[in-house]
Amino acid sequence: DHHREYYAMEEEEEEEETTTRLAKDHDRLPGWRGETHSVEETLKRTRKERREKKCLEQLKTRRMMAHLNTLECAAATNVTIASARRANTFFDVEDEEEEEEEGGGMSSKRTMWCPGEAVSLYDPANAMKGNYKHMAMVETIPWRGPAMGNVLLAWQTSEKIEGTRQRLVIAEAEGKELRFKALTANKQREMFADVGSYEVPTDAGENGAVWGPSLFANPRKNHEIWLFYSQSKTGGCGSRVPGMDYAPGGDILAKTFNVVSGTWMHTEKIVLSQEYDDGIPKVTANKPIVLRTSGRWVLPYWNERAMLESAAVNPECGKLNGKEGAGVLLSDDHGETWYPSETIRGKNTWLIENAVVELEEDNHLLMVFRTKAGYVFRSNSLDGGQTWTEASAMRDVPNPNSKIDLIRLRPGGLLALAFNDHAKHPAKGCSRCRTFLKVALSSDEGKTWTRIRELEMDVDGSLRSHYPTLLQRGCE
């Protein structure tokens, strides 16, 4: 054991030297939209990840995980807020070593628990090219065969910035360790040779950028995954943002992927046309849910015009008269046909990137929204999503105008919310930062929330830890 520890320490020192040497070659690392991140913060995160890995190894050595590994799934997920808080208490390895040196050993007052290692598709060689990646979405593969437990990952990407020649990428991760592999070959761009991609068909190159991929495992067909997304439409009205050819949104479309054959359906289905509601572009971000008794599919979406050119600059944009708002798309025949709910309008704020859950009473739904108002907003439906209450602020859940996600945990029924826990960032020079990424639980149908886990707390003026997607995979 001592020999192993010695060589492990040598390897760590060599890795540290390599990382530092690379850092000297690039004093700043490129990130979102070409901004740069500090090497110091990157090294800090690297050291933190190593401590967490060491912590896990120590836990296994002490056999502290043996009991947890034998728990049945139902027992493991029958969680209370108190037990979730205890399970997510992270004990820094350095703190633990100090206690052991003092002869006290492990603290008897706290449960030691180390988070699992993060899985990243970050590729330094491609990141140096400054290409854009956004709107990540993950879903489990339901097929009970060799791919059971695997997940699919989707995101939108461009060689420049959003709204330019933009495509969707789909990747698959295998098993518990989530090792990504290609789904389909891509000969056009070497950048995606490792993860595979799906290029959205265009009509002679006339259709615009693609947005907001949302993945959904069909509960009736355990070999089928749905991909929802929107695609900008031509028509002469572009984006008011310099460098962007298209503003977000368009028609909402859907395609299906066959897990067994590994093939996509040949044509896409139009779920909602942009022409609905006076032609304003439509966008999706979070996945649909299936209602318990009726089996209805409920897909959240919103209308967005914030980045469209003004009619004064471009008369073609005057034809898009729709107002911003949000709602859900409903299907009572398992995705064959769709119709929209009533539209919810925000007062002095937009309502976008919404997520929906079914509450304890059948057909009672809760939907939450990203806003510009400094708080997450909520709305309720009592009729399975057809009509909605006026959106109101959740005063205990701040929002720095960033995406959130909401799911119901099974079988216990608690609601889990992922969000950036601040409205305006307190750090100087960080007014548009999105950090303090946390998970909170609610045991009273979303009326109150208890923070149980801090995921990303580093503060850097150019860093954003945002756009979370929540997923339950078995007991995880």
Protein backbone atom coordinates (compact mmCIF):
# COMPACT_ATOMS: atom_id res chain seq x y z
CA ASP A 1 0.00 0.00 0.00
CA HIS A 2 2.82 2.40 0.88
CA HIS A 3 4.56 1.66 -2.43
CA ARG A 4 1.34 2.31 -4.34
CA GLU A 5 0.84 5.62 -2.54
CA TYR A 6 4.45 6.66 -3.32
CA TYR A 7 4.12 5.96 -7.03
CA ALA A 8 0.67 7.60 -7.13
CA MET A 9 2.19 10.74 -5.60
CA GLU A 10 4.98 10.68 -8.20
CA GLU A 11 2.39 10.42 -11.00
CA GLU A 12 0.42 13.32 -9.53
CA GLU A 13 3.55 15.49 -9.43
CA GLU A 14 4.35 14.62 -13.05
CA GLU A 15 0.77 15.47 -14.11
CA GLU A 16 0.98 18.77 -12.22
CA GLU A 17 4.27 19.65 -13.97
CA THR A 18 2.77 18.79 -17.36
CA THR A 19 -0.35 20.87 -16.69
CA THR A 20 1.75 23.83 -15.51
CA ARG A 21 4.01 23.58 -18.58
CA LEU A 22 0.97 23.60 -20.88
CA ALA A 23 -0.43 26.54 -18.99
CA LYS A 24 2.72 28.56 -19.72
CA ASP A 25 2.18 27.95 -23.42
CA HIS A 26 -1.32 29.45 -23.20
CA ASP A 27 -1.68 32.00 -20.41
CA ARG A 28 -5.42 32.12 -21.01
CA LEU A 29 -7.75 29.35 -22.21
CA PRO A 30 -10.50 30.08 -24.78
CA GLY A 31 -14.12 29.47 -23.88
CA TRP A 32 -17.67 30.49 -24.66
CA ARG A 33 -17.88 32.88 -27.66
CA GLY A 34 -14.12 33.28 -27.72
CA GLU A 35 -13.64 34.73 -24.22
CA THR A 36 -10.79 33.42 -22.10
CA HIS A 37 -10.55 31.65 -18.76
CA SER A 38 -7.67 32.05 -16.35
CA VAL A 39 -5.10 29.28 -16.12
CA GLU A 40 -5.02 29.75 -12.36
CA GLU A 41 -8.70 28.83 -12.05
CA THR A 42 -8.24 25.89 -14.42
CA LEU A 43 -5.37 24.51 -12.34
CA LYS A 44 -7.42 25.03 -9.19
CA ARG A 45 -10.24 22.93 -10.64
CA THR A 46 -7.75 20.26 -11.72
CA ARG A 47 -6.36 19.99 -8.19
CA LYS A 48 -9.90 19.81 -6.81
CA GLU A 49 -10.78 16.96 -9.18
CA ARG A 50 -7.68 15.06 -8.06
CA ARG A 51 -8.61 15.49 -4.40
CA GLU A 52 -12.08 14.17 -5.12
CA LYS A 53 -10.64 11.17 -6.94
CA LYS A 54 -8.30 10.48 -4.03
CA CYS A 55 -11.25 10.82 -1.67
CA LEU A 56 -13.18 8.15 -3.57
CA GLU A 57 -10.22 5.78 -3.46
CA GLN A 58 -9.94 6.26 0.30
CA LEU A 59 -13.62 5.55 0.75
CA LYS A 60 -13.33 2.30 -1.17
CA THR A 61 -10.27 1.29 0.87
CA ARG A 62 -12.17 1.80 4.10
CA ARG A 63 -15.15 -0.12 2.73
CA MET A 64 -17.44 2.75 3.66
CA MET A 65 -19.35 2.28 0.41
CA ALA A 66 -20.08 -1.41 0.87
CA HIS A 67 -23.42 -0.87 2.56
CA LEU A 68 -24.62 1.72 0.04
CA ASN A 69 -23.77 -0.55 -2.88
CA THR A 70 -26.10 -3.25 -1.55
CA LEU A 71 -29.14 -1.03 -1.24
CA GLU A 72 -32.11 -1.76 -3.46
CA CYS A 73 -33.03 0.97 -5.95
CA ALA A 74 -36.33 1.79 -4.29
CA ALA A 75 -34.69 2.22 -0.92
CA ALA A 76 -31.86 4.28 -2.39
CA THR A 77 -34.24 6.71 -4.08
CA ASN A 78 -36.76 6.93 -1.24
CA VAL A 79 -34.90 10.04 -0.16
CA THR A 80 -35.83 12.82 2.22
CA ILE A 81 -34.39 16.31 2.14
CA ALA A 82 -32.48 15.55 5.34
CA SER A 83 -30.94 12.36 3.98
CA ALA A 84 -30.07 14.06 0.69
CA ARG A 85 -28.27 16.80 2.57
CA ARG A 86 -26.30 14.25 4.60
CA ALA A 87 -25.40 12.20 1.56
CA ASN A 88 -24.13 15.24 -0.32
CA THR A 89 -21.87 16.62 2.41
CA PHE A 90 -18.41 16.83 0.83
CA PHE A 91 -15.46 16.51 3.15
CA ASP A 92 -12.30 18.04 1.65
CA VAL A 93 -9.44 15.52 1.71
CA GLU A 94 -7.07 18.11 3.15
CA ASP A 95 -9.45 18.74 6.05
CA GLU A 96 -9.73 15.02 6.66
CA GLU A 97 -5.94 14.56 6.70
CA GLU A 98 -5.58 17.36 9.25
CA GLU A 99 -8.06 15.62 11.56
CA GLU A 100 -6.25 12.30 11.23
CA GLU A 101 -2.93 13.96 12.05
CA GLU A 102 -4.48 15.27 15.25
CA GLY A 103 -5.34 11.68 16.16
CA GLY A 104 -9.08 12.14 15.95
CA GLY A 105 -9.58 10.10 12.82
CA MET A 106 -12.78 10.62 10.87
CA SER A 107 -15.32 13.06 12.27
CA SER A 108 -18.23 11.21 13.83
CA LYS A 109 -20.54 14.18 13.33
CA ARG A 110 -20.44 14.28 9.51
CA THR A 111 -21.03 11.72 6.82
CA MET A 112 -18.13 11.66 4.39
CA TRP A 113 -19.24 11.43 0.79
CA CYS A 114 -17.32 12.18 -2.39
CA PRO A 115 -19.03 13.21 -5.63
CA GLY A 116 -18.45 11.10 -8.70
CA GLU A 117 -15.96 12.20 -11.31
CA ALA A 118 -17.19 14.66 -13.93
CA VAL A 119 -17.46 13.44 -17.52
CA SER A 120 -16.33 15.98 -20.10
CA LEU A 121 -16.15 16.18 -23.88
CA TYR A 122 -13.77 19.15 -23.62
CA ASP A 123 -11.15 18.83 -26.33
CA PRO A 124 -8.28 21.37 -26.00
CA ALA A 125 -7.28 21.07 -29.66
CA ASN A 126 -10.78 21.87 -30.89
CA ALA A 127 -11.45 24.42 -28.15
CA MET A 128 -8.51 26.43 -29.48
CA LYS A 129 -10.50 26.86 -32.71
CA GLY A 130 -13.09 28.86 -30.79
CA ASN A 131 -16.12 26.93 -32.01
CA TYR A 132 -19.46 27.32 -30.24
CA LYS A 133 -21.27 24.54 -28.32
CA HIS A 134 -24.50 25.09 -26.43
CA MET A 135 -27.85 23.72 -25.19
CA ALA A 136 -26.66 20.29 -24.02
CA MET A 137 -29.33 17.65 -23.37
CA VAL A 138 -29.02 14.09 -22.04
CA GLU A 139 -31.41 11.11 -21.96
CA THR A 140 -31.22 7.43 -21.03
CA ILE A 141 -31.55 4.70 -23.64
CA PRO A 142 -34.54 2.59 -22.57
CA TRP A 143 -33.74 -0.59 -24.51
CA ARG A 144 -33.22 -3.52 -22.12
CA GLY A 145 -30.41 -5.06 -24.09
CA PRO A 146 -26.67 -4.47 -24.41
CA ALA A 147 -27.25 -0.70 -24.43
CA MET A 148 -29.23 -0.68 -21.18
CA GLY A 149 -27.96 2.11 -18.95
CA ASN A 150 -26.33 4.01 -21.81
CA VAL A 151 -27.19 7.64 -22.41
CA LEU A 152 -27.49 9.90 -25.43
CA LEU A 153 -26.15 13.44 -25.43
CA ALA A 154 -27.18 16.18 -27.87
CA TRP A 155 -26.09 19.76 -28.35
CA GLN A 156 -26.00 22.51 -30.99
CA THR A 157 -22.70 23.72 -32.38
CA SER A 158 -21.16 26.10 -34.89
CA GLU A 159 -17.69 26.94 -36.11
CA LYS A 160 -18.35 30.60 -35.26
CA ILE A 161 -21.16 31.73 -32.93
CA GLU A 162 -24.81 30.82 -32.53
CA GLY A 163 -27.10 31.67 -35.40
CA THR A 164 -24.54 30.98 -38.10
CA ARG A 165 -24.19 27.71 -40.05
CA GLN A 166 -25.27 25.58 -37.13
CA ARG A 167 -25.85 21.87 -36.59
CA LEU A 168 -26.82 19.34 -33.94
CA VAL A 169 -24.43 16.72 -32.58
CA ILE A 170 -25.52 13.44 -31.01
CA ALA A 171 -23.20 11.26 -28.90
CA GLU A 172 -23.70 8.03 -26.98
CA ALA A 173 -22.11 7.11 -23.66
CA GLU A 174 -21.65 3.48 -22.63
CA GLY A 175 -22.47 2.03 -19.24
CA LYS A 176 -21.70 3.33 -15.78
CA GLU A 177 -18.42 4.99 -16.72
CA LEU A 178 -20.05 7.04 -19.50
CA ARG A 179 -17.41 6.59 -22.18
CA PHE A 180 -18.56 8.39 -25.30
CA LYS A 181 -18.43 6.87 -28.77
CA ALA A 182 -19.64 7.71 -32.26
CA LEU A 183 -23.22 7.09 -33.30
CA THR A 184 -22.71 7.87 -36.96
CA ALA A 185 -19.64 8.53 -39.08
CA ASN A 186 -18.99 12.10 -40.14
CA LYS A 187 -16.60 12.55 -43.05
CA GLN A 188 -17.26 16.26 -43.48
CA ARG A 189 -15.65 17.48 -40.26
CA GLU A 190 -12.87 15.72 -38.40
CA MET A 191 -13.87 17.65 -35.27
CA PHE A 192 -16.75 15.23 -34.59
CA ALA A 193 -15.05 12.03 -35.69
CA ASP A 194 -14.87 10.86 -32.07
CA VAL A 195 -18.44 11.57 -30.99
CA GLY A 196 -20.49 11.23 -34.16
CA SER A 197 -23.11 13.65 -35.39
CA TYR A 198 -26.46 14.03 -37.06
CA GLU A 199 -26.74 16.77 -39.66
CA VAL A 200 -30.22 18.26 -39.90
CA PRO A 201 -31.43 18.05 -43.53
CA THR A 202 -31.79 21.33 -45.38
CA ASP A 203 -33.69 22.22 -48.52
CA ALA A 204 -30.91 23.16 -50.94
CA GLY A 205 -29.18 24.94 -48.09
CA GLU A 206 -32.01 27.43 -47.65
CA ASN A 207 -33.07 26.56 -44.12
CA GLY A 208 -31.46 28.28 -41.19
CA ALA A 209 -29.71 27.40 -37.95
CA VAL A 210 -30.95 24.66 -35.62
CA TRP A 211 -31.70 25.22 -31.92
CA GLY A 212 -32.53 23.63 -28.59
CA PRO A 213 -32.22 19.85 -29.04
CA SER A 214 -34.38 17.93 -26.57
CA LEU A 215 -34.12 14.14 -26.24
CA PHE A 216 -37.00 11.93 -25.06
CA ALA A 217 -37.16 8.16 -24.56
CA ASN A 218 -40.51 6.87 -25.86
CA PRO A 219 -42.08 4.96 -22.92
CA ARG A 220 -44.16 2.81 -25.32
CA LYS A 221 -41.31 1.73 -27.59
CA ASN A 222 -38.21 0.78 -25.68
CA HIS A 223 -35.98 1.10 -28.74
CA GLU A 224 -37.02 4.63 -29.75
CA ILE A 225 -35.59 8.05 -28.83
CA TRP A 226 -37.24 11.28 -29.98
CA LEU A 227 -35.24 14.37 -30.88
CA PHE A 228 -37.13 17.68 -30.73
CA TYR A 229 -35.51 20.85 -32.06
CA SER A 230 -36.35 24.04 -33.95
CA GLN A 231 -34.93 25.33 -37.22
CA SER A 232 -34.82 28.94 -38.35
CA LYS A 233 -36.84 29.77 -41.44
CA THR A 234 -35.73 31.93 -44.31
CA GLY A 235 -37.83 34.93 -45.20
CA GLY A 236 -35.50 37.85 -44.97
CA CYS A 237 -35.72 38.61 -41.24
CA GLY A 238 -32.38 37.92 -39.59
CA SER A 239 -30.81 38.66 -36.22
CA ARG A 240 -30.05 42.07 -34.75
CA VAL A 241 -26.89 40.65 -33.14
CA PRO A 242 -23.73 41.34 -35.19
CA GLY A 243 -22.34 38.17 -36.74
CA MET A 244 -25.56 36.15 -36.33
CA ASP A 245 -27.42 35.21 -39.50
CA TYR A 246 -30.51 33.87 -37.72
CA ALA A 247 -32.31 34.66 -34.49
CA PRO A 248 -33.18 31.72 -32.21
CA GLY A 249 -36.19 29.58 -33.12
CA GLY A 250 -38.37 28.65 -36.06
CA ASP A 251 -40.53 25.60 -36.73
CA ILE A 252 -40.43 22.99 -33.95
CA LEU A 253 -39.51 19.67 -35.55
CA ALA A 254 -39.05 16.07 -34.39
CA LYS A 255 -37.18 12.98 -35.58
CA THR A 256 -36.83 9.52 -34.02
CA PHE A 257 -33.73 7.39 -33.53
CA ASN A 258 -33.89 3.57 -33.49
CA VAL A 259 -31.55 2.34 -30.75
CA VAL A 260 -31.40 -1.20 -32.18
CA SER A 261 -30.63 -0.33 -35.80
CA GLY A 262 -28.79 2.91 -35.04
CA THR A 263 -30.71 4.78 -37.73
CA TRP A 264 -32.74 8.00 -37.87
CA MET A 265 -36.15 8.36 -39.50
CA HIS A 266 -35.74 9.81 -43.00
CA THR A 267 -37.98 12.85 -42.63
CA GLU A 268 -38.70 15.18 -39.77
CA LYS A 269 -42.19 15.81 -38.35
CA ILE A 270 -43.39 19.41 -37.92
CA VAL A 271 -44.63 19.56 -34.34
CA LEU A 272 -45.51 23.27 -34.39
CA SER A 273 -45.15 25.69 -37.28
CA GLN A 274 -43.59 29.10 -36.76
CA GLU A 275 -46.68 30.51 -38.48
CA TYR A 276 -48.76 29.80 -35.36
CA ASP A 277 -49.21 32.89 -33.17
CA ASP A 278 -48.39 35.48 -35.87
CA GLY A 279 -45.16 33.96 -37.10
CA ILE A 280 -42.92 34.43 -34.09
CA PRO A 281 -40.05 31.85 -33.88
CA LYS A 282 -40.60 28.86 -31.57
CA VAL A 283 -37.89 27.19 -29.43
CA THR A 284 -37.50 24.17 -27.11
CA ALA A 285 -34.94 23.48 -24.38
CA ASN A 286 -36.19 20.87 -21.87
CA LYS A 287 -37.66 17.43 -22.47
CA PRO A 288 -41.35 16.47 -22.42
CA ILE A 289 -43.07 14.49 -19.67
CA VAL A 290 -45.76 11.79 -19.83
CA LEU A 291 -48.82 12.20 -17.61
CA ARG A 292 -49.57 9.24 -15.34
CA THR A 293 -53.20 8.40 -16.07
CA SER A 294 -53.88 9.84 -19.53
CA GLY A 295 -50.49 9.07 -21.10
CA ARG A 296 -50.48 12.57 -22.63
CA TRP A 297 -47.11 13.92 -23.78
CA VAL A 298 -46.37 17.48 -22.61
CA LEU A 299 -43.48 19.34 -24.30
CA PRO A 300 -42.53 22.83 -23.02
CA TYR A 301 -41.70 25.54 -25.60
CA TRP A 302 -41.63 29.32 -25.94
CA ASN A 303 -41.89 32.15 -28.51
CA GLU A 304 -38.82 34.39 -28.82
CA ARG A 305 -38.32 37.64 -30.71
CA ALA A 306 -35.58 39.32 -28.61
CA MET A 307 -32.85 38.83 -31.22
CA LEU A 308 -34.93 39.49 -34.34
CA GLU A 309 -34.12 42.55 -36.42
CA SER A 310 -36.53 45.41 -35.85
CA ALA A 311 -39.11 46.27 -38.49
CA ALA A 312 -37.56 49.74 -38.75
CA VAL A 313 -34.27 48.20 -39.88
CA ASN A 314 -35.75 45.38 -41.93
CA PRO A 315 -39.39 45.68 -43.16
CA GLU A 316 -39.54 41.89 -43.62
CA CYS A 317 -39.45 41.55 -39.82
CA GLY A 318 -42.68 43.55 -39.57
CA LYS A 319 -44.51 40.44 -40.75
CA LEU A 320 -43.60 38.65 -37.50
CA ASN A 321 -46.15 40.25 -35.19
CA GLY A 322 -46.31 37.62 -32.47
CA LYS A 323 -45.70 38.49 -28.83
CA GLU A 324 -43.26 36.67 -26.60
CA GLY A 325 -44.73 33.99 -24.36
CA ALA A 326 -44.49 30.33 -23.41
CA GLY A 327 -46.60 27.22 -23.25
CA VAL A 328 -46.59 23.48 -23.87
CA LEU A 329 -47.30 21.26 -26.84
CA LEU A 330 -49.70 18.39 -26.15
CA SER A 331 -50.05 15.00 -27.80
CA ASP A 332 -52.78 12.52 -26.87
CA ASP A 333 -51.70 9.90 -29.42
CA HIS A 334 -48.08 9.25 -28.41
CA GLY A 335 -46.52 11.90 -30.63
CA GLU A 336 -48.52 11.34 -33.82
CA THR A 337 -50.30 14.71 -33.61
CA TRP A 338 -49.70 17.82 -31.50
CA TYR A 339 -51.56 20.95 -30.44
CA PRO A 340 -50.47 23.96 -28.33
CA SER A 341 -51.81 25.03 -24.96
CA GLU A 342 -52.81 28.59 -24.27
CA THR A 343 -49.86 31.00 -24.24
CA ILE A 344 -48.57 32.38 -20.94
CA ARG A 345 -47.36 36.01 -21.13
CA GLY A 346 -44.85 37.49 -18.72
CA LYS A 347 -45.18 40.93 -17.16
CA ASN A 348 -42.02 42.99 -17.78
CA THR A 349 -40.00 39.85 -18.45
CA TRP A 350 -39.74 37.06 -20.95
CA LEU A 351 -40.61 33.45 -19.99
CA ILE A 352 -38.22 31.07 -21.73
CA GLU A 353 -36.39 27.72 -21.41
CA ASN A 354 -39.26 26.32 -19.35
CA ALA A 355 -39.45 22.92 -17.63
CA VAL A 356 -42.57 21.04 -16.50
CA VAL A 357 -43.46 18.28 -13.99
CA GLU A 358 -46.67 16.54 -12.94
CA LEU A 359 -47.57 17.04 -9.28
CA GLU A 360 -49.03 14.50 -6.83
CA GLU A 361 -52.58 14.98 -8.07
CA ASP A 362 -53.20 13.66 -11.59
CA ASN A 363 -53.22 16.31 -14.35
CA HIS A 364 -51.91 19.01 -11.97
CA LEU A 365 -48.72 20.44 -13.49
CA LEU A 366 -46.03 22.88 -12.41
CA MET A 367 -43.97 24.78 -14.99
CA VAL A 368 -40.94 26.96 -14.18
CA PHE A 369 -39.25 29.59 -16.37
CA ARG A 370 -36.00 31.47 -16.89
CA THR A 371 -36.70 35.22 -16.63
CA LYS A 372 -35.04 38.64 -16.66
CA ALA A 373 -36.74 39.58 -13.39
CA GLY A 374 -34.12 38.16 -10.98
CA TYR A 375 -36.25 35.15 -9.96
CA VAL A 376 -37.46 31.87 -11.41
CA PHE A 377 -41.16 32.19 -12.32
CA ARG A 378 -43.82 29.49 -12.00
CA SER A 379 -47.23 28.66 -13.43
CA ASN A 380 -49.71 25.86 -12.65
CA SER A 381 -52.17 23.86 -14.71
CA LEU A 382 -55.11 21.87 -13.34
CA ASP A 383 -56.20 20.32 -16.64
CA GLY A 384 -53.18 18.46 -17.95
CA GLY A 385 -51.49 21.47 -19.51
CA GLN A 386 -54.27 23.03 -21.57
CA THR A 387 -54.71 26.17 -19.44
CA TRP A 388 -52.28 27.86 -17.06
CA THR A 389 -52.29 30.33 -14.19
CA GLU A 390 -50.60 33.70 -14.49
CA ALA A 391 -46.82 33.33 -14.08
CA SER A 392 -45.50 34.55 -10.73
CA ALA A 393 -42.07 34.92 -9.11
CA MET A 394 -40.61 32.22 -6.84
CA ARG A 395 -38.99 34.64 -4.39
CA ASP A 396 -36.77 32.01 -2.77
CA VAL A 397 -35.23 30.92 -6.10
CA PRO A 398 -33.10 33.65 -7.76
CA ASN A 399 -32.30 33.55 -11.47
CA PRO A 400 -29.55 35.46 -13.35
CA ASN A 401 -31.47 35.10 -16.64
CA SER A 402 -30.17 31.55 -17.12
CA LYS A 403 -31.65 28.15 -17.92
CA ILE A 404 -33.02 25.85 -15.21
CA ASP A 405 -34.31 22.28 -15.15
CA LEU A 406 -36.90 20.50 -13.02
CA ILE A 407 -37.75 16.79 -12.59
CA ARG A 408 -39.71 14.59 -10.17
CA LEU A 409 -37.58 11.93 -8.47
CA ARG A 410 -38.87 8.35 -8.37
CA PRO A 411 -40.18 6.64 -6.37
CA GLY A 412 -40.09 9.17 -3.49
CA GLY A 413 -41.74 12.01 -5.41
CA LEU A 414 -39.53 14.94 -4.37
CA LEU A 415 -39.02 17.68 -6.96
CA ALA A 416 -35.41 18.43 -7.94
CA LEU A 417 -34.42 21.81 -9.39
CA ALA A 418 -31.04 22.73 -10.95
CA PHE A 419 -30.35 26.47 -11.13
CA ASN A 420 -27.81 29.28 -10.71
CA ASP A 421 -28.34 30.50 -7.16
CA HIS A 422 -28.03 34.27 -7.62
CA ALA A 423 -29.72 37.10 -9.50
CA LYS A 424 -26.88 39.60 -9.97
CA HIS A 425 -23.44 38.29 -9.17
CA PRO A 426 -21.80 40.01 -6.16
CA ALA A 427 -18.26 39.77 -7.55
CA LYS A 428 -16.81 42.88 -9.17
CA GLY A 429 -16.62 42.60 -12.95
CA CYS A 430 -18.97 39.63 -12.87
CA SER A 431 -22.34 41.25 -13.55
CA ARG A 432 -23.20 38.66 -16.21
CA CYS A 433 -21.59 35.67 -14.53
CA ARG A 434 -23.58 32.48 -14.18
CA THR A 435 -22.10 30.43 -11.38
CA PHE A 436 -23.23 29.07 -7.98
CA LEU A 437 -24.78 26.12 -9.82
CA LYS A 438 -26.84 24.18 -7.27
CA VAL A 439 -29.52 21.53 -6.86
CA ALA A 440 -32.49 22.07 -4.53
CA LEU A 441 -35.30 19.72 -3.46
CA SER A 442 -38.93 20.41 -2.63
CA SER A 443 -41.25 18.17 -0.63
CA ASP A 444 -44.30 20.49 -0.88
CA GLU A 445 -44.98 20.57 -4.63
CA GLY A 446 -42.54 23.40 -5.30
CA LYS A 447 -43.75 25.89 -2.68
CA THR A 448 -40.40 25.88 -0.82
CA TRP A 449 -36.92 24.69 -1.76
CA THR A 450 -33.97 23.33 0.21
CA ARG A 451 -30.47 23.56 -1.29
CA ILE A 452 -28.81 20.16 -0.98
CA ARG A 453 -25.81 20.35 -3.29
CA GLU A 454 -23.32 22.93 -4.62
CA LEU A 455 -22.02 21.80 -8.01
CA GLU A 456 -19.92 24.70 -9.34
CA MET A 457 -18.97 27.64 -7.13
CA ASP A 458 -15.82 29.03 -8.79
CA VAL A 459 -16.04 32.71 -9.77
CA ASP A 460 -14.26 33.98 -12.87
CA GLY A 461 -15.33 37.03 -14.85
CA SER A 462 -15.31 35.03 -18.10
CA LEU A 463 -16.68 31.73 -16.77
CA ARG A 464 -20.26 30.48 -16.97
CA SER A 465 -21.36 27.23 -15.33
CA HIS A 466 -24.87 27.02 -16.67
CA TYR A 467 -27.51 25.25 -18.82
CA PRO A 468 -28.04 22.21 -16.55
CA THR A 469 -30.07 19.17 -17.51
CA LEU A 470 -31.33 16.79 -14.80
CA LEU A 471 -31.67 13.07 -15.41
CA GLN A 472 -32.50 10.10 -13.19
CA ARG A 473 -30.87 6.85 -14.34
CA GLY A 474 -31.94 3.99 -12.09
CA CYS A 475 -30.77 4.93 -8.58
CA GLU A 476 -28.57 7.77 -9.85
